[in-house]
Amino acid sequence: MTVHTILLTQPGSQVSSRIYYDFDTITAAMDHIASLYEAFLQRENPGMRQIQYRANDLLQFIDSYKEFVALILDPNNQIYVPKSKEWLKSTLIDHLSNQQRAPPQQQQFHQRNPKGYF
């Protein structure tokens, strides 16, 4: 199901660090959150050929943001419903768990080769 999702983030204390991201689905938003963390890890570890991490590391990354929330379109009422950081973390864990249970051809692994960025 396609549910328009907007992520609102503020990595630092400065208002100027606010960024929003626009997605057609919640799944795409969850994949992007993982990609944000992977990009962070790549910047912190430029010599690493392959990046691996635990779910808890990803959750701590989200917690390090001053703001990390979502607006999810309720298609029945045509309004956006705000979702908290805790909701995002729970949904992200469910998303990653579902990927682990998927057959290999359907899995989207959250291990990135640095050459795959940008």
PDB file of N, CA and C in Angstrom:
ATOM      1  N   MET A   1       0.840  -1.188   0.000  1.00  0.00           N
ATOM      2  CA  MET A   1       0.000   0.000   0.000  1.00  0.00           C
ATOM      3  C   MET A   1       0.879   1.243   0.000  1.00  0.00           C
ATOM      4  N   THR A   2       0.531   2.170  -0.812  1.00  0.00           N
ATOM      5  CA  THR A   2       1.275   3.420  -0.913  1.00  0.00           C
ATOM      6  C   THR A   2       0.719   4.416   0.095  1.00  0.00           C
ATOM      7  N   VAL A   3       1.572   4.835   1.012  1.00  0.00           N
ATOM      8  CA  VAL A   3       1.185   5.828   2.010  1.00  0.00           C
ATOM      9  C   VAL A   3       2.246   6.914   2.002  1.00  0.00           C
ATOM     10  N   HIS A   4       1.879   8.081   1.543  1.00  0.00           N
ATOM     11  CA  HIS A   4       2.833   9.181   1.476  1.00  0.00           C
ATOM     12  C   HIS A   4       3.398   9.463   2.855  1.00  0.00           C
ATOM     13  N   THR A   5       4.717   9.605   2.923  1.00  0.00           N
ATOM     14  CA  THR A   5       5.426   9.770   4.194  1.00  0.00           C
ATOM     15  C   THR A   5       6.429  10.898   4.072  1.00  0.00           C
ATOM     16  N   ILE A   6       6.452  11.754   5.071  1.00  0.00           N
ATOM     17  CA  ILE A   6       7.434  12.834   5.146  1.00  0.00           C
ATOM     18  C   ILE A   6       8.236  12.632   6.421  1.00  0.00           C
ATOM     19  N   LEU A   7       9.562  12.579   6.284  1.00  0.00           N
ATOM     20  CA  LEU A   7      10.448  12.527   7.450  1.00  0.00           C
ATOM     21  C   LEU A   7      10.934  13.934   7.753  1.00  0.00           C
ATOM     22  N   LEU A   8      10.866  14.311   9.006  1.00  0.00           N
ATOM     23  CA  LEU A   8      11.362  15.607   9.464  1.00  0.00           C
ATOM     24  C   LEU A   8      12.515  15.337  10.421  1.00  0.00           C
ATOM     25  N   THR A   9      13.696  15.854  10.085  1.00  0.00           N
ATOM     26  CA  THR A   9      14.864  15.582  10.912  1.00  0.00           C
ATOM     27  C   THR A   9      15.562  16.882  11.283  1.00  0.00           C
ATOM     28  N   GLN A  10      16.231  16.836  12.419  1.00  0.00           N
ATOM     29  CA  GLN A  10      17.099  17.921  12.853  1.00  0.00           C
ATOM     30  C   GLN A  10      18.271  17.268  13.570  1.00  0.00           C
ATOM     31  N   PRO A  11      19.384  17.049  12.852  1.00  0.00           N
ATOM     32  CA  PRO A  11      20.513  16.340  13.448  1.00  0.00           C
ATOM     33  C   PRO A  11      21.180  17.104  14.599  1.00  0.00           C
ATOM     34  N   GLY A  12      21.244  18.399  14.496  1.00  0.00           N
ATOM     35  CA  GLY A  12      21.938  19.184  15.516  1.00  0.00           C
ATOM     36  C   GLY A  12      21.008  20.124  16.238  1.00  0.00           C
ATOM     37  N   SER A  13      21.588  20.946  17.098  1.00  0.00           N
ATOM     38  CA  SER A  13      20.775  21.879  17.877  1.00  0.00           C
ATOM     39  C   SER A  13      20.372  23.112  17.075  1.00  0.00           C
ATOM     40  N   GLN A  14      21.073  23.374  15.988  1.00  0.00           N
ATOM     41  CA  GLN A  14      20.767  24.558  15.189  1.00  0.00           C
ATOM     42  C   GLN A  14      19.548  24.305  14.294  1.00  0.00           C
ATOM     43  N   VAL A  15      18.653  25.256  14.287  1.00  0.00           N
ATOM     44  CA  VAL A  15      17.452  25.161  13.459  1.00  0.00           C
ATOM     45  C   VAL A  15      17.830  25.002  11.987  1.00  0.00           C
ATOM     46  N   SER A  16      18.939  25.577  11.597  1.00  0.00           N
ATOM     47  CA  SER A  16      19.369  25.490  10.196  1.00  0.00           C
ATOM     48  C   SER A  16      19.739  24.073   9.775  1.00  0.00           C
ATOM     49  N   SER A  17      19.843  23.129  10.724  1.00  0.00           N
ATOM     50  CA  SER A  17      20.164  21.743  10.368  1.00  0.00           C
ATOM     51  C   SER A  17      18.916  20.925  10.029  1.00  0.00           C
ATOM     52  N   ARG A  18      17.761  21.554  10.071  1.00  0.00           N
ATOM     53  CA  ARG A  18      16.520  20.842   9.766  1.00  0.00           C
ATOM     54  C   ARG A  18      16.485  20.428   8.293  1.00  0.00           C
ATOM     55  N   ILE A  19      16.042  19.180   8.082  1.00  0.00           N
ATOM     56  CA  ILE A  19      15.918  18.632   6.726  1.00  0.00           C
ATOM     57  C   ILE A  19      14.634  17.810   6.676  1.00  0.00           C
ATOM     58  N   TYR A  20      13.941  17.870   5.553  1.00  0.00           N
ATOM     59  CA  TYR A  20      12.802  16.981   5.383  1.00  0.00           C
ATOM     60  C   TYR A  20      13.029  16.115   4.147  1.00  0.00           C
ATOM     61  N   TYR A  21      12.433  14.932   4.186  1.00  0.00           N
ATOM     62  CA  TYR A  21      12.526  13.969   3.101  1.00  0.00           C
ATOM     63  C   TYR A  21      11.116  13.511   2.766  1.00  0.00           C
ATOM     64  N   ASP A  22      10.847  13.331   1.497  1.00  0.00           N
ATOM     65  CA  ASP A  22       9.515  13.035   0.996  1.00  0.00           C
ATOM     66  C   ASP A  22       9.523  11.663   0.322  1.00  0.00           C
ATOM     67  N   PHE A  23       8.598  10.757   0.704  1.00  0.00           N
ATOM     68  CA  PHE A  23       8.561   9.397   0.172  1.00  0.00           C
ATOM     69  C   PHE A  23       7.137   8.992  -0.191  1.00  0.00           C
ATOM     70  N   ASP A  24       7.043   8.114  -1.170  1.00  0.00           N
ATOM     71  CA  ASP A  24       5.740   7.592  -1.583  1.00  0.00           C
ATOM     72  C   ASP A  24       5.240   6.494  -0.660  1.00  0.00           C
ATOM     73  N   THR A  25       6.144   5.856   0.084  1.00  0.00           N
ATOM     74  CA  THR A  25       5.745   4.754   0.970  1.00  0.00           C
ATOM     75  C   THR A  25       6.496   4.824   2.288  1.00  0.00           C
ATOM     76  N   ILE A  26       5.939   4.187   3.290  1.00  0.00           N
ATOM     77  CA  ILE A  26       6.626   4.068   4.578  1.00  0.00           C
ATOM     78  C   ILE A  26       7.882   3.228   4.401  1.00  0.00           C
ATOM     79  N   THR A  27       7.807   2.192   3.571  1.00  0.00           N
ATOM     80  CA  THR A  27       8.960   1.330   3.316  1.00  0.00           C
ATOM     81  C   THR A  27      10.134   2.128   2.765  1.00  0.00           C
ATOM     82  N   ALA A  28       9.871   3.004   1.818  1.00  0.00           N
ATOM     83  CA  ALA A  28      10.939   3.830   1.251  1.00  0.00           C
ATOM     84  C   ALA A  28      11.544   4.735   2.322  1.00  0.00           C
ATOM     85  N   ALA A  29      10.715   5.248   3.218  1.00  0.00           N
ATOM     86  CA  ALA A  29      11.216   6.087   4.306  1.00  0.00           C
ATOM     87  C   ALA A  29      12.113   5.276   5.245  1.00  0.00           C
ATOM     88  N   MET A  30      11.716   4.041   5.559  1.00  0.00           N
ATOM     89  CA  MET A  30      12.528   3.185   6.435  1.00  0.00           C
ATOM     90  C   MET A  30      13.871   2.861   5.778  1.00  0.00           C
ATOM     91  N   ASP A  31      13.845   2.574   4.482  1.00  0.00           N
ATOM     92  CA  ASP A  31      15.097   2.315   3.763  1.00  0.00           C
ATOM     93  C   ASP A  31      16.003   3.547   3.795  1.00  0.00           C
ATOM     94  N   HIS A  32      15.393   4.716   3.692  1.00  0.00           N
ATOM     95  CA  HIS A  32      16.191   5.947   3.710  1.00  0.00           C
ATOM     96  C   HIS A  32      16.821   6.193   5.082  1.00  0.00           C
ATOM     97  N   ILE A  33      16.098   5.890   6.136  1.00  0.00           N
ATOM     98  CA  ILE A  33      16.674   6.047   7.477  1.00  0.00           C
ATOM     99  C   ILE A  33      17.919   5.180   7.607  1.00  0.00           C
ATOM    100  N   ALA A  34      17.832   3.935   7.159  1.00  0.00           N
ATOM    101  CA  ALA A  34      19.001   3.056   7.192  1.00  0.00           C
ATOM    102  C   ALA A  34      20.124   3.629   6.332  1.00  0.00           C
ATOM    103  N   SER A  35      19.781   4.189   5.189  1.00  0.00           N
ATOM    104  CA  SER A  35      20.794   4.789   4.309  1.00  0.00           C
ATOM    105  C   SER A  35      21.471   5.991   4.947  1.00  0.00           C
ATOM    106  N   LEU A  36      20.713   6.785   5.718  1.00  0.00           N
ATOM    107  CA  LEU A  36      21.312   7.917   6.424  1.00  0.00           C
ATOM    108  C   LEU A  36      22.384   7.427   7.392  1.00  0.00           C
ATOM    109  N   TYR A  37      22.082   6.354   8.122  1.00  0.00           N
ATOM    110  CA  TYR A  37      23.047   5.804   9.066  1.00  0.00           C
ATOM    111  C   TYR A  37      24.249   5.215   8.337  1.00  0.00           C
ATOM    112  N   GLU A  38      24.000   4.537   7.236  1.00  0.00           N
ATOM    113  CA  GLU A  38      25.092   3.957   6.463  1.00  0.00           C
ATOM    114  C   GLU A  38      26.017   5.043   5.909  1.00  0.00           C
ATOM    115  N   ALA A  39      25.447   6.140   5.459  1.00  0.00           N
ATOM    116  CA  ALA A  39      26.265   7.259   4.976  1.00  0.00           C
ATOM    117  C   ALA A  39      27.094   7.847   6.118  1.00  0.00           C
ATOM    118  N   PHE A  40      26.491   7.956   7.297  1.00  0.00           N
ATOM    119  CA  PHE A  40      27.218   8.427   8.478  1.00  0.00           C
ATOM    120  C   PHE A  40      28.396   7.504   8.783  1.00  0.00           C
ATOM    121  N   LEU A  41      28.138   6.190   8.782  1.00  0.00           N
ATOM    122  CA  LEU A  41      29.210   5.228   9.058  1.00  0.00           C
ATOM    123  C   LEU A  41      30.313   5.314   8.013  1.00  0.00           C
ATOM    124  N   GLN A  42      29.947   5.522   6.762  1.00  0.00           N
ATOM    125  CA  GLN A  42      30.947   5.644   5.701  1.00  0.00           C
ATOM    126  C   GLN A  42      31.815   6.882   5.901  1.00  0.00           C
ATOM    127  N   ARG A  43      31.206   7.985   6.305  1.00  0.00           N
ATOM    128  CA  ARG A  43      31.989   9.208   6.566  1.00  0.00           C
ATOM    129  C   ARG A  43      32.925   9.003   7.755  1.00  0.00           C
ATOM    130  N   GLU A  44      32.456   8.281   8.773  1.00  0.00           N
ATOM    131  CA  GLU A  44      33.260   8.042   9.970  1.00  0.00           C
ATOM    132  C   GLU A  44      34.345   6.987   9.746  1.00  0.00           C
ATOM    133  N   ASN A  45      34.162   6.118   8.768  1.00  0.00           N
ATOM    134  CA  ASN A  45      35.086   5.006   8.506  1.00  0.00           C
ATOM    135  C   ASN A  45      35.377   4.919   7.012  1.00  0.00           C
ATOM    136  N   PRO A  46      36.044   5.929   6.452  1.00  0.00           N
ATOM    137  CA  PRO A  46      36.214   5.973   4.993  1.00  0.00           C
ATOM    138  C   PRO A  46      37.031   4.809   4.419  1.00  0.00           C
ATOM    139  N   GLY A  47      37.847   4.161   5.219  1.00  0.00           N
ATOM    140  CA  GLY A  47      38.658   3.068   4.710  1.00  0.00           C
ATOM    141  C   GLY A  47      37.962   1.722   4.711  1.00  0.00           C
ATOM    142  N   MET A  48      36.781   1.648   5.295  1.00  0.00           N
ATOM    143  CA  MET A  48      36.060   0.370   5.380  1.00  0.00           C
ATOM    144  C   MET A  48      35.482   0.014   4.010  1.00  0.00           C
ATOM    145  N   ARG A  49      35.721  -1.226   3.588  1.00  0.00           N
ATOM    146  CA  ARG A  49      35.189  -1.685   2.296  1.00  0.00           C
ATOM    147  C   ARG A  49      33.743  -2.131   2.430  1.00  0.00           C
ATOM    148  N   GLN A  50      33.389  -2.643   3.586  1.00  0.00           N
ATOM    149  CA  GLN A  50      32.019  -3.108   3.813  1.00  0.00           C
ATOM    150  C   GLN A  50      31.587  -2.642   5.201  1.00  0.00           C
ATOM    151  N   ILE A  51      30.350  -2.175   5.273  1.00  0.00           N
ATOM    152  CA  ILE A  51      29.828  -1.652   6.534  1.00  0.00           C
ATOM    153  C   ILE A  51      28.745  -2.601   7.050  1.00  0.00           C
ATOM    154  N   GLN A  52      28.879  -2.985   8.306  1.00  0.00           N
ATOM    155  CA  GLN A  52      27.866  -3.789   8.974  1.00  0.00           C
ATOM    156  C   GLN A  52      27.548  -3.121  10.307  1.00  0.00           C
ATOM    157  N   TYR A  53      26.304  -3.303  10.745  1.00  0.00           N
ATOM    158  CA  TYR A  53      25.916  -2.712  12.017  1.00  0.00           C
ATOM    159  C   TYR A  53      24.760  -3.498  12.616  1.00  0.00           C
ATOM    160  N   ARG A  54      24.560  -3.267  13.903  1.00  0.00           N
ATOM    161  CA  ARG A  54      23.451  -3.898  14.625  1.00  0.00           C
ATOM    162  C   ARG A  54      22.268  -2.934  14.675  1.00  0.00           C
ATOM    163  N   ALA A  55      21.103  -3.508  14.873  1.00  0.00           N
ATOM    164  CA  ALA A  55      19.891  -2.688  14.951  1.00  0.00           C
ATOM    165  C   ALA A  55      19.998  -1.662  16.071  1.00  0.00           C
ATOM    166  N   ASN A  56      20.588  -2.045  17.197  1.00  0.00           N
ATOM    167  CA  ASN A  56      20.727  -1.128  18.323  1.00  0.00           C
ATOM    168  C   ASN A  56      21.577   0.091  17.954  1.00  0.00           C
ATOM    169  N   ASP A  57      22.596  -0.115  17.115  1.00  0.00           N
ATOM    170  CA  ASP A  57      23.427   1.004  16.656  1.00  0.00           C
ATOM    171  C   ASP A  57      22.591   1.988  15.846  1.00  0.00           C
ATOM    172  N   LEU A  58      21.732   1.461  14.995  1.00  0.00           N
ATOM    173  CA  LEU A  58      20.862   2.298  14.180  1.00  0.00           C
ATOM    174  C   LEU A  58      19.885   3.085  15.049  1.00  0.00           C
ATOM    175  N   LEU A  59      19.348   2.433  16.071  1.00  0.00           N
ATOM    176  CA  LEU A  59      18.413   3.120  16.974  1.00  0.00           C
ATOM    177  C   LEU A  59      19.110   4.224  17.759  1.00  0.00           C
ATOM    178  N   GLN A  60      20.337   3.992  18.170  1.00  0.00           N
ATOM    179  CA  GLN A  60      21.094   5.026  18.876  1.00  0.00           C
ATOM    180  C   GLN A  60      21.385   6.210  17.953  1.00  0.00           C
ATOM    181  N   PHE A  61      21.624   5.930  16.680  1.00  0.00           N
ATOM    182  CA  PHE A  61      21.826   6.993  15.697  1.00  0.00           C
ATOM    183  C   PHE A  61      20.578   7.878  15.620  1.00  0.00           C
ATOM    184  N   ILE A  62      19.414   7.262  15.551  1.00  0.00           N
ATOM    185  CA  ILE A  62      18.160   8.019  15.510  1.00  0.00           C
ATOM    186  C   ILE A  62      18.017   8.854  16.779  1.00  0.00           C
ATOM    187  N   ASP A  63      18.332   8.265  17.922  1.00  0.00           N
ATOM    188  CA  ASP A  63      18.234   8.988  19.191  1.00  0.00           C
ATOM    189  C   ASP A  63      19.204  10.163  19.273  1.00  0.00           C
ATOM    190  N   SER A  64      20.279  10.117  18.512  1.00  0.00           N
ATOM    191  CA  SER A  64      21.263  11.205  18.554  1.00  0.00           C
ATOM    192  C   SER A  64      20.740  12.478  17.888  1.00  0.00           C
ATOM    193  N   TYR A  65      19.687  12.364  17.111  1.00  0.00           N
ATOM    194  CA  TYR A  65      19.091  13.533  16.456  1.00  0.00           C
ATOM    195  C   TYR A  65      18.237  14.307  17.448  1.00  0.00           C
ATOM    196  N   LYS A  66      18.266  15.621  17.335  1.00  0.00           N
ATOM    197  CA  LYS A  66      17.396  16.441  18.171  1.00  0.00           C
ATOM    198  C   LYS A  66      15.933  16.150  17.827  1.00  0.00           C
ATOM    199  N   GLU A  67      15.630  16.048  16.542  1.00  0.00           N
ATOM    200  CA  GLU A  67      14.277  15.727  16.077  1.00  0.00           C
ATOM    201  C   GLU A  67      14.377  14.674  14.979  1.00  0.00           C
ATOM    202  N   PHE A  68      13.492  13.702  15.037  1.00  0.00           N
ATOM    203  CA  PHE A  68      13.410  12.664  14.005  1.00  0.00           C
ATOM    204  C   PHE A  68      11.979  12.137  14.069  1.00  0.00           C
ATOM    205  N   VAL A  69      11.108  12.695  13.253  1.00  0.00           N
ATOM    206  CA  VAL A  69       9.692  12.344  13.290  1.00  0.00           C
ATOM    207  C   VAL A  69       9.183  12.154  11.859  1.00  0.00           C
ATOM    208  N   ALA A  70       7.973  11.630  11.756  1.00  0.00           N
ATOM    209  CA  ALA A  70       7.367  11.423  10.445  1.00  0.00           C
ATOM    210  C   ALA A  70       5.949  11.970  10.426  1.00  0.00           C
ATOM    211  N   LEU A  71       5.522  12.321   9.230  1.00  0.00           N
ATOM    212  CA  LEU A  71       4.131  12.656   8.967  1.00  0.00           C
ATOM    213  C   LEU A  71       3.638  11.627   7.959  1.00  0.00           C
ATOM    214  N   ILE A  72       2.617  10.863   8.344  1.00  0.00           N
ATOM    215  CA  ILE A  72       2.087   9.785   7.521  1.00  0.00           C
ATOM    216  C   ILE A  72       0.700  10.180   7.043  1.00  0.00           C
ATOM    217  N   LEU A  73       0.485  10.117   5.738  1.00  0.00           N
ATOM    218  CA  LEU A  73      -0.823  10.480   5.195  1.00  0.00           C
ATOM    219  C   LEU A  73      -1.874   9.447   5.581  1.00  0.00           C
ATOM    220  N   ASP A  74      -2.956   9.912   6.151  1.00  0.00           N
ATOM    221  CA  ASP A  74      -4.132   9.079   6.395  1.00  0.00           C
ATOM    222  C   ASP A  74      -5.027   9.263   5.171  1.00  0.00           C
ATOM    223  N   PRO A  75      -5.043   8.278   4.263  1.00  0.00           N
ATOM    224  CA  PRO A  75      -5.769   8.470   3.001  1.00  0.00           C
ATOM    225  C   PRO A  75      -7.281   8.600   3.168  1.00  0.00           C
ATOM    226  N   ASN A  76      -7.829   8.053   4.226  1.00  0.00           N
ATOM    227  CA  ASN A  76      -9.274   8.147   4.438  1.00  0.00           C
ATOM    228  C   ASN A  76      -9.705   9.559   4.794  1.00  0.00           C
ATOM    229  N   ASN A  77      -8.897  10.233   5.605  1.00  0.00           N
ATOM    230  CA  ASN A  77      -9.247  11.577   6.060  1.00  0.00           C
ATOM    231  C   ASN A  77      -8.465  12.675   5.354  1.00  0.00           C
ATOM    232  N   GLN A  78      -7.504  12.272   4.513  1.00  0.00           N
ATOM    233  CA  GLN A  78      -6.663  13.218   3.774  1.00  0.00           C
ATOM    234  C   GLN A  78      -5.971  14.225   4.694  1.00  0.00           C
ATOM    235  N   ILE A  79      -5.412  13.686   5.802  1.00  0.00           N
ATOM    236  CA  ILE A  79      -4.618  14.500   6.716  1.00  0.00           C
ATOM    237  C   ILE A  79      -3.326  13.745   7.025  1.00  0.00           C
ATOM    238  N   TYR A  80      -2.333  14.477   7.457  1.00  0.00           N
ATOM    239  CA  TYR A  80      -1.076  13.859   7.874  1.00  0.00           C
ATOM    240  C   TYR A  80      -1.096  13.641   9.383  1.00  0.00           C
ATOM    241  N   VAL A  81      -0.743  12.432   9.773  1.00  0.00           N
ATOM    242  CA  VAL A  81      -0.713  12.065  11.180  1.00  0.00           C
ATOM    243  C   VAL A  81       0.731  12.048  11.646  1.00  0.00           C
ATOM    244  N   PRO A  82       1.058  12.821  12.695  1.00  0.00           N
ATOM    245  CA  PRO A  82       2.441  12.833  13.181  1.00  0.00           C
ATOM    246  C   PRO A  82       2.787  11.522  13.893  1.00  0.00           C
ATOM    247  N   LYS A  83       4.011  11.054  13.663  1.00  0.00           N
ATOM    248  CA  LYS A  83       4.520   9.842  14.306  1.00  0.00           C
ATOM    249  C   LYS A  83       5.833  10.180  14.996  1.00  0.00           C
ATOM    250  N   SER A  84       5.997   9.663  16.193  1.00  0.00           N
ATOM    251  CA  SER A  84       7.147   9.996  17.039  1.00  0.00           C
ATOM    252  C   SER A  84       8.407   9.227  16.640  1.00  0.00           C
ATOM    253  N   LYS A  85       9.482   9.633  17.260  1.00  0.00           N
ATOM    254  CA  LYS A  85      10.755   8.940  17.110  1.00  0.00           C
ATOM    255  C   LYS A  85      10.615   7.479  17.530  1.00  0.00           C
ATOM    256  N   GLU A  86       9.878   7.234  18.605  1.00  0.00           N
ATOM    257  CA  GLU A  86       9.682   5.859  19.084  1.00  0.00           C
ATOM    258  C   GLU A  86       8.909   5.030  18.067  1.00  0.00           C
ATOM    259  N   TRP A  87       7.900   5.609  17.442  1.00  0.00           N
ATOM    260  CA  TRP A  87       7.149   4.911  16.401  1.00  0.00           C
ATOM    261  C   TRP A  87       8.067   4.587  15.227  1.00  0.00           C
ATOM    262  N   LEU A  88       8.884   5.547  14.825  1.00  0.00           N
ATOM    263  CA  LEU A  88       9.824   5.314  13.726  1.00  0.00           C
ATOM    264  C   LEU A  88      10.772   4.165  14.038  1.00  0.00           C
ATOM    265  N   LYS A  89      11.304   4.142  15.258  1.00  0.00           N
ATOM    266  CA  LYS A  89      12.246   3.083  15.627  1.00  0.00           C
ATOM    267  C   LYS A  89      11.563   1.724  15.610  1.00  0.00           C
ATOM    268  N   SER A  90      10.362   1.637  16.134  1.00  0.00           N
ATOM    269  CA  SER A  90       9.622   0.382  16.147  1.00  0.00           C
ATOM    270  C   SER A  90       9.303  -0.082  14.720  1.00  0.00           C
ATOM    271  N   THR A  91       8.866   0.832  13.890  1.00  0.00           N
ATOM    272  CA  THR A  91       8.535   0.511  12.506  1.00  0.00           C
ATOM    273  C   THR A  91       9.787   0.099  11.737  1.00  0.00           C
ATOM    274  N   LEU A  92      10.893   0.756  12.008  1.00  0.00           N
ATOM    275  CA  LEU A  92      12.151   0.414  11.348  1.00  0.00           C
ATOM    276  C   LEU A  92      12.606  -0.993  11.731  1.00  0.00           C
ATOM    277  N   ILE A  93      12.511  -1.348  12.993  1.00  0.00           N
ATOM    278  CA  ILE A  93      12.883  -2.697  13.437  1.00  0.00           C
ATOM    279  C   ILE A  93      11.984  -3.731  12.766  1.00  0.00           C
ATOM    280  N   ASP A  94      10.684  -3.464  12.707  1.00  0.00           N
ATOM    281  CA  ASP A  94       9.767  -4.382  12.016  1.00  0.00           C
ATOM    282  C   ASP A  94      10.154  -4.520  10.543  1.00  0.00           C
ATOM    283  N   HIS A  95      10.469  -3.411   9.918  1.00  0.00           N
ATOM    284  CA  HIS A  95      10.859  -3.396   8.505  1.00  0.00           C
ATOM    285  C   HIS A  95      12.116  -4.239   8.277  1.00  0.00           C
ATOM    286  N   LEU A  96      13.122  -4.034   9.103  1.00  0.00           N
ATOM    287  CA  LEU A  96      14.369  -4.789   8.951  1.00  0.00           C
ATOM    288  C   LEU A  96      14.154  -6.266   9.254  1.00  0.00           C
ATOM    289  N   SER A  97      13.315  -6.570  10.238  1.00  0.00           N
ATOM    290  CA  SER A  97      13.011  -7.969  10.569  1.00  0.00           C
ATOM    291  C   SER A  97      12.303  -8.660   9.415  1.00  0.00           C
ATOM    292  N   ASN A  98      11.380  -7.964   8.781  1.00  0.00           N
ATOM    293  CA  ASN A  98      10.668  -8.531   7.633  1.00  0.00           C
ATOM    294  C   ASN A  98      11.623  -8.797   6.477  1.00  0.00           C
ATOM    295  N   GLN A  99      12.621  -7.942   6.294  1.00  0.00           N
ATOM    296  CA  GLN A  99      13.613  -8.165   5.245  1.00  0.00           C
ATOM    297  C   GLN A  99      14.435  -9.403   5.529  1.00  0.00           C
ATOM    298  N   GLN A 100      14.740  -9.652   6.798  1.00  0.00           N
ATOM    299  CA  GLN A 100      15.525 -10.827   7.156  1.00  0.00           C
ATOM    300  C   GLN A 100      14.755 -12.117   6.882  1.00  0.00           C
ATOM    301  N   ARG A 101      13.424 -12.067   6.988  1.00  0.00           N
ATOM    302  CA  ARG A 101      12.596 -13.253   6.759  1.00  0.00           C
ATOM    303  C   ARG A 101      12.284 -13.464   5.283  1.00  0.00           C
ATOM    304  N   ALA A 102      12.511 -12.452   4.457  1.00  0.00           N
ATOM    305  CA  ALA A 102      12.184 -12.561   3.035  1.00  0.00           C
ATOM    306  C   ALA A 102      13.145 -13.523   2.344  1.00  0.00           C
ATOM    307  N   PRO A 103      12.670 -14.188   1.273  1.00  0.00           N
ATOM    308  CA  PRO A 103      13.584 -15.026   0.492  1.00  0.00           C
ATOM    309  C   PRO A 103      14.756 -14.192  -0.027  1.00  0.00           C
ATOM    310  N   PRO A 104      15.926 -14.816  -0.238  1.00  0.00           N
ATOM    311  CA  PRO A 104      17.130 -14.066  -0.615  1.00  0.00           C
ATOM    312  C   PRO A 104      16.949 -13.120  -1.794  1.00  0.00           C
ATOM    313  N   GLN A 105      16.172 -13.491  -2.806  1.00  0.00           N
ATOM    314  CA  GLN A 105      16.023 -12.606  -3.958  1.00  0.00           C
ATOM    315  C   GLN A 105      15.220 -11.361  -3.628  1.00  0.00           C
ATOM    316  N   GLN A 106      14.467 -11.359  -2.506  1.00  0.00           N
ATOM    317  CA  GLN A 106      13.669 -10.204  -2.135  1.00  0.00           C
ATOM    318  C   GLN A 106      14.331  -9.355  -1.058  1.00  0.00           C
ATOM    319  N   GLN A 107      15.399  -9.833  -0.467  1.00  0.00           N
ATOM    320  CA  GLN A 107      16.031  -9.098   0.630  1.00  0.00           C
ATOM    321  C   GLN A 107      16.781  -7.884   0.105  1.00  0.00           C
ATOM    322  N   GLN A 108      16.704  -6.828   0.876  1.00  0.00           N
ATOM    323  CA  GLN A 108      17.516  -5.648   0.634  1.00  0.00           C
ATOM    324  C   GLN A 108      18.447  -5.546   1.830  1.00  0.00           C
ATOM    325  N   PHE A 109      19.655  -6.038   1.664  1.00  0.00           N
ATOM    326  CA  PHE A 109      20.586  -6.053   2.777  1.00  0.00           C
ATOM    327  C   PHE A 109      21.052  -4.655   3.111  1.00  0.00           C
ATOM    328  N   HIS A 110      21.211  -4.405   4.390  1.00  0.00           N
ATOM    329  CA  HIS A 110      21.738  -3.118   4.829  1.00  0.00           C
ATOM    330  C   HIS A 110      23.216  -3.259   5.136  1.00  0.00           C
ATOM    331  N   GLN A 111      23.908  -3.717   4.105  1.00  0.00           N
ATOM    332  CA  GLN A 111      25.356  -3.730   4.061  1.00  0.00           C
ATOM    333  C   GLN A 111      25.690  -3.036   2.755  1.00  0.00           C
ATOM    334  N   ARG A 112      26.475  -2.056   2.820  1.00  0.00           N
ATOM    335  CA  ARG A 112      26.750  -1.292   1.610  1.00  0.00           C
ATOM    336  C   ARG A 112      28.233  -1.308   1.294  1.00  0.00           C
ATOM    337  N   ASN A 113      28.494  -1.431   0.030  1.00  0.00           N
ATOM    338  CA  ASN A 113      29.837  -1.237  -0.476  1.00  0.00           C
ATOM    339  C   ASN A 113      29.968   0.264  -0.707  1.00  0.00           C
ATOM    340  N   PRO A 114      31.030   0.896  -0.240  1.00  0.00           N
ATOM    341  CA  PRO A 114      31.144   2.348  -0.364  1.00  0.00           C
ATOM    342  C   PRO A 114      30.993   2.844  -1.800  1.00  0.00           C
ATOM    343  N   LYS A 115      31.361   2.034  -2.767  1.00  0.00           N
ATOM    344  CA  LYS A 115      31.246   2.465  -4.145  1.00  0.00           C
ATOM    345  C   LYS A 115      29.788   2.568  -4.588  1.00  0.00           C
ATOM    346  N   GLY A 116      28.871   2.006  -3.800  1.00  0.00           N
ATOM    347  CA  GLY A 116      27.460   2.060  -4.130  1.00  0.00           C
ATOM    348  C   GLY A 116      26.785   3.355  -3.712  1.00  0.00           C
ATOM    349  N   TYR A 117      27.495   4.231  -3.029  1.00  0.00           N
ATOM    350  CA  TYR A 117      26.901   5.487  -2.570  1.00  0.00           C
ATOM    351  C   TYR A 117      26.924   6.516  -3.666  1.00  0.00           C
ATOM    352  N   PHE A 118      25.883   7.278  -3.717  1.00  0.00           N
ATOM    353  CA  PHE A 118      25.735   8.431  -4.571  1.00  0.00           C
ATOM    354  C   PHE A 118      26.203   8.101  -5.933  1.00  0.00           C
TER     355      PHE A 118
END
